[in-house]
Amino acid sequence: MPGTPPPGGSETVLEQAAVELCASPSCAICGTPLRGRRPDARCCSGRCRIVLCRRKRHEALLEGLVSCEQALRAAADAVAALRVVAEIGPHITDGFKVVRGGR
């Protein structure tokens, strides 16, 4: 029957290697197994650590760029609204009477 373990409960060498590869963490950049490293290690070398740092900074830069673009769009909308008011001109307030002192 497929999918059942071999008799005696022993695993093949390939199955054991697959389990070890899946169980051990690997480098976040190149995928090299991190055997013998700290449990919280994410990279196998200084070069991979630098690449990971650059990726993180690049992602942060892209996120900042998106927020700046959104702010620029909002500012452009505000300028467009002010342009409409400016095109109306000062003559729209000619009919208003200014009262001083609240009387």
C-alpha atoms as a PDB file:
ATOM      1  CA  MET A   1       0.000   0.000   0.000  1.00  0.00           C
ATOM      2  CA  PRO A   2       1.543   3.373  -0.982  1.00  0.00           C
ATOM      3  CA  GLY A   3       2.230   5.882   1.774  1.00  0.00           C
ATOM      4  CA  THR A   4       2.667   3.286   4.520  1.00  0.00           C
ATOM      5  CA  PRO A   5       6.021   3.008   6.274  1.00  0.00           C
ATOM      6  CA  PRO A   6       8.218   0.011   5.423  1.00  0.00           C
ATOM      7  CA  PRO A   7       7.967  -3.001   7.750  1.00  0.00           C
ATOM      8  CA  GLY A   8       9.876  -2.698  10.971  1.00  0.00           C
ATOM      9  CA  GLY A   9       9.382   1.111  11.127  1.00  0.00           C
ATOM     10  CA  SER A  10      12.800   1.879   9.599  1.00  0.00           C
ATOM     11  CA  GLU A  11      13.081   4.798   7.201  1.00  0.00           C
ATOM     12  CA  THR A  12      15.222   4.823   4.088  1.00  0.00           C
ATOM     13  CA  VAL A  13      18.352   6.944   3.921  1.00  0.00           C
ATOM     14  CA  LEU A  14      16.673   9.399   1.531  1.00  0.00           C
ATOM     15  CA  GLU A  15      13.699   9.833   3.859  1.00  0.00           C
ATOM     16  CA  GLN A  16      16.056  10.502   6.785  1.00  0.00           C
ATOM     17  CA  ALA A  17      17.988  13.089   4.762  1.00  0.00           C
ATOM     18  CA  ALA A  18      14.735  14.769   3.720  1.00  0.00           C
ATOM     19  CA  VAL A  19      13.578  14.926   7.330  1.00  0.00           C
ATOM     20  CA  GLU A  20      16.920  16.443   8.402  1.00  0.00           C
ATOM     21  CA  LEU A  21      16.801  19.066   5.649  1.00  0.00           C
ATOM     22  CA  CYS A  22      13.240  20.017   6.530  1.00  0.00           C
ATOM     23  CA  ALA A  23      13.978  20.085  10.247  1.00  0.00           C
ATOM     24  CA  SER A  24      17.137  22.170  10.072  1.00  0.00           C
ATOM     25  CA  PRO A  25      16.783  25.850   9.239  1.00  0.00           C
ATOM     26  CA  SER A  26      18.406  27.158   6.096  1.00  0.00           C
ATOM     27  CA  CYS A  27      19.952  30.449   5.025  1.00  0.00           C
ATOM     28  CA  ALA A  28      17.342  33.054   4.101  1.00  0.00           C
ATOM     29  CA  ILE A  29      19.398  34.048   1.040  1.00  0.00           C
ATOM     30  CA  CYS A  30      21.128  31.023  -0.465  1.00  0.00           C
ATOM     31  CA  GLY A  31      19.286  28.155   1.233  1.00  0.00           C
ATOM     32  CA  THR A  32      22.380  26.527   2.751  1.00  0.00           C
ATOM     33  CA  PRO A  33      21.478  24.483   5.864  1.00  0.00           C
ATOM     34  CA  LEU A  34      22.409  26.282   9.074  1.00  0.00           C
ATOM     35  CA  ARG A  35      23.716  23.270  10.973  1.00  0.00           C
ATOM     36  CA  GLY A  36      25.736  24.153  14.060  1.00  0.00           C
ATOM     37  CA  ARG A  37      24.579  27.781  14.137  1.00  0.00           C
ATOM     38  CA  ARG A  38      22.571  29.628  16.752  1.00  0.00           C
ATOM     39  CA  PRO A  39      18.874  28.746  16.731  1.00  0.00           C
ATOM     40  CA  ASP A  40      17.981  32.314  15.759  1.00  0.00           C
ATOM     41  CA  ALA A  41      20.550  32.539  12.915  1.00  0.00           C
ATOM     42  CA  ARG A  42      19.059  33.461   9.550  1.00  0.00           C
ATOM     43  CA  CYS A  43      22.159  33.592   7.349  1.00  0.00           C
ATOM     44  CA  CYS A  44      25.095  31.289   6.704  1.00  0.00           C
ATOM     45  CA  SER A  45      27.771  33.973   6.183  1.00  0.00           C
ATOM     46  CA  GLY A  46      28.531  37.648   6.371  1.00  0.00           C
ATOM     47  CA  ARG A  47      27.914  38.020   2.655  1.00  0.00           C
ATOM     48  CA  CYS A  48      24.389  36.581   2.930  1.00  0.00           C
ATOM     49  CA  ARG A  49      23.760  38.736   6.022  1.00  0.00           C
ATOM     50  CA  ILE A  50      24.695  41.852   4.022  1.00  0.00           C
ATOM     51  CA  VAL A  51      22.399  40.825   1.167  1.00  0.00           C
ATOM     52  CA  LEU A  52      19.531  40.236   3.622  1.00  0.00           C
ATOM     53  CA  CYS A  53      20.129  43.653   5.219  1.00  0.00           C
ATOM     54  CA  ARG A  54      20.122  45.325   1.811  1.00  0.00           C
ATOM     55  CA  ARG A  55      16.872  43.586   0.898  1.00  0.00           C
ATOM     56  CA  LYS A  56      15.256  44.800   4.110  1.00  0.00           C
ATOM     57  CA  ARG A  57      16.437  48.362   3.492  1.00  0.00           C
ATOM     58  CA  HIS A  58      15.211  48.184  -0.098  1.00  0.00           C
ATOM     59  CA  GLU A  59      11.768  47.007   1.076  1.00  0.00           C
ATOM     60  CA  ALA A  60      11.651  49.833   3.626  1.00  0.00           C
ATOM     61  CA  LEU A  61      12.623  52.302   0.913  1.00  0.00           C
ATOM     62  CA  LEU A  62       9.839  51.033  -1.341  1.00  0.00           C
ATOM     63  CA  GLU A  63       7.297  51.316   1.490  1.00  0.00           C
ATOM     64  CA  GLY A  64       8.431  54.903   2.136  1.00  0.00           C
ATOM     65  CA  LEU A  65       8.182  55.648  -1.565  1.00  0.00           C
ATOM     66  CA  VAL A  66       4.590  54.389  -1.658  1.00  0.00           C
ATOM     67  CA  SER A  67       3.613  56.593   1.293  1.00  0.00           C
ATOM     68  CA  CYS A  68       5.329  59.615  -0.303  1.00  0.00           C
ATOM     69  CA  GLU A  69       3.484  59.010  -3.571  1.00  0.00           C
ATOM     70  CA  GLN A  70       0.176  58.873  -1.684  1.00  0.00           C
ATOM     71  CA  ALA A  71       1.005  62.152   0.075  1.00  0.00           C
ATOM     72  CA  LEU A  72       1.899  63.762  -3.252  1.00  0.00           C
ATOM     73  CA  ARG A  73      -1.418  62.627  -4.752  1.00  0.00           C
ATOM     74  CA  ALA A  74      -3.298  64.106  -1.788  1.00  0.00           C
ATOM     75  CA  ALA A  75      -1.348  67.357  -2.145  1.00  0.00           C
ATOM     76  CA  ALA A  76      -2.103  67.487  -5.883  1.00  0.00           C
ATOM     77  CA  ASP A  77      -5.809  67.035  -5.131  1.00  0.00           C
ATOM     78  CA  ALA A  78      -5.671  69.851  -2.566  1.00  0.00           C
ATOM     79  CA  VAL A  79      -3.905  72.150  -5.059  1.00  0.00           C
ATOM     80  CA  ALA A  80      -6.538  71.346  -7.684  1.00  0.00           C
ATOM     81  CA  ALA A  81      -9.297  72.267  -5.220  1.00  0.00           C
ATOM     82  CA  LEU A  82      -7.531  75.527  -4.360  1.00  0.00           C
ATOM     83  CA  ARG A  83      -7.097  76.288  -8.043  1.00  0.00           C
ATOM     84  CA  VAL A  84     -10.884  76.099  -8.486  1.00  0.00           C
ATOM     85  CA  VAL A  85     -11.372  78.571  -5.641  1.00  0.00           C
ATOM     86  CA  ALA A  86      -8.687  80.878  -7.068  1.00  0.00           C
ATOM     87  CA  GLU A  87     -10.308  80.821 -10.514  1.00  0.00           C
ATOM     88  CA  ILE A  88     -13.612  81.910  -9.008  1.00  0.00           C
ATOM     89  CA  GLY A  89     -11.824  85.051  -7.897  1.00  0.00           C
ATOM     90  CA  PRO A  90     -12.492  87.717  -5.275  1.00  0.00           C
ATOM     91  CA  HIS A  91     -15.708  88.953  -6.902  1.00  0.00           C
ATOM     92  CA  ILE A  92     -17.684  86.137  -5.277  1.00  0.00           C
ATOM     93  CA  THR A  93     -17.434  87.887  -1.899  1.00  0.00           C
ATOM     94  CA  ASP A  94     -18.586  91.295  -3.205  1.00  0.00           C
ATOM     95  CA  GLY A  95     -22.132  90.658  -1.966  1.00  0.00           C
ATOM     96  CA  PHE A  96     -21.097  89.821   1.593  1.00  0.00           C
ATOM     97  CA  LYS A  97     -21.368  92.493   4.253  1.00  0.00           C
ATOM     98  CA  VAL A  98     -18.637  92.522   6.909  1.00  0.00           C
ATOM     99  CA  VAL A  99     -20.007  93.336  10.344  1.00  0.00           C
ATOM    100  CA  ARG A 100     -17.623  94.338  13.112  1.00  0.00           C
ATOM    101  CA  GLY A 101     -18.348  93.845  16.763  1.00  0.00           C
ATOM    102  CA  GLY A 102     -20.971  91.152  16.220  1.00  0.00           C
ATOM    103  CA  ARG A 103     -23.919  93.596  15.817  1.00  0.00           C
END
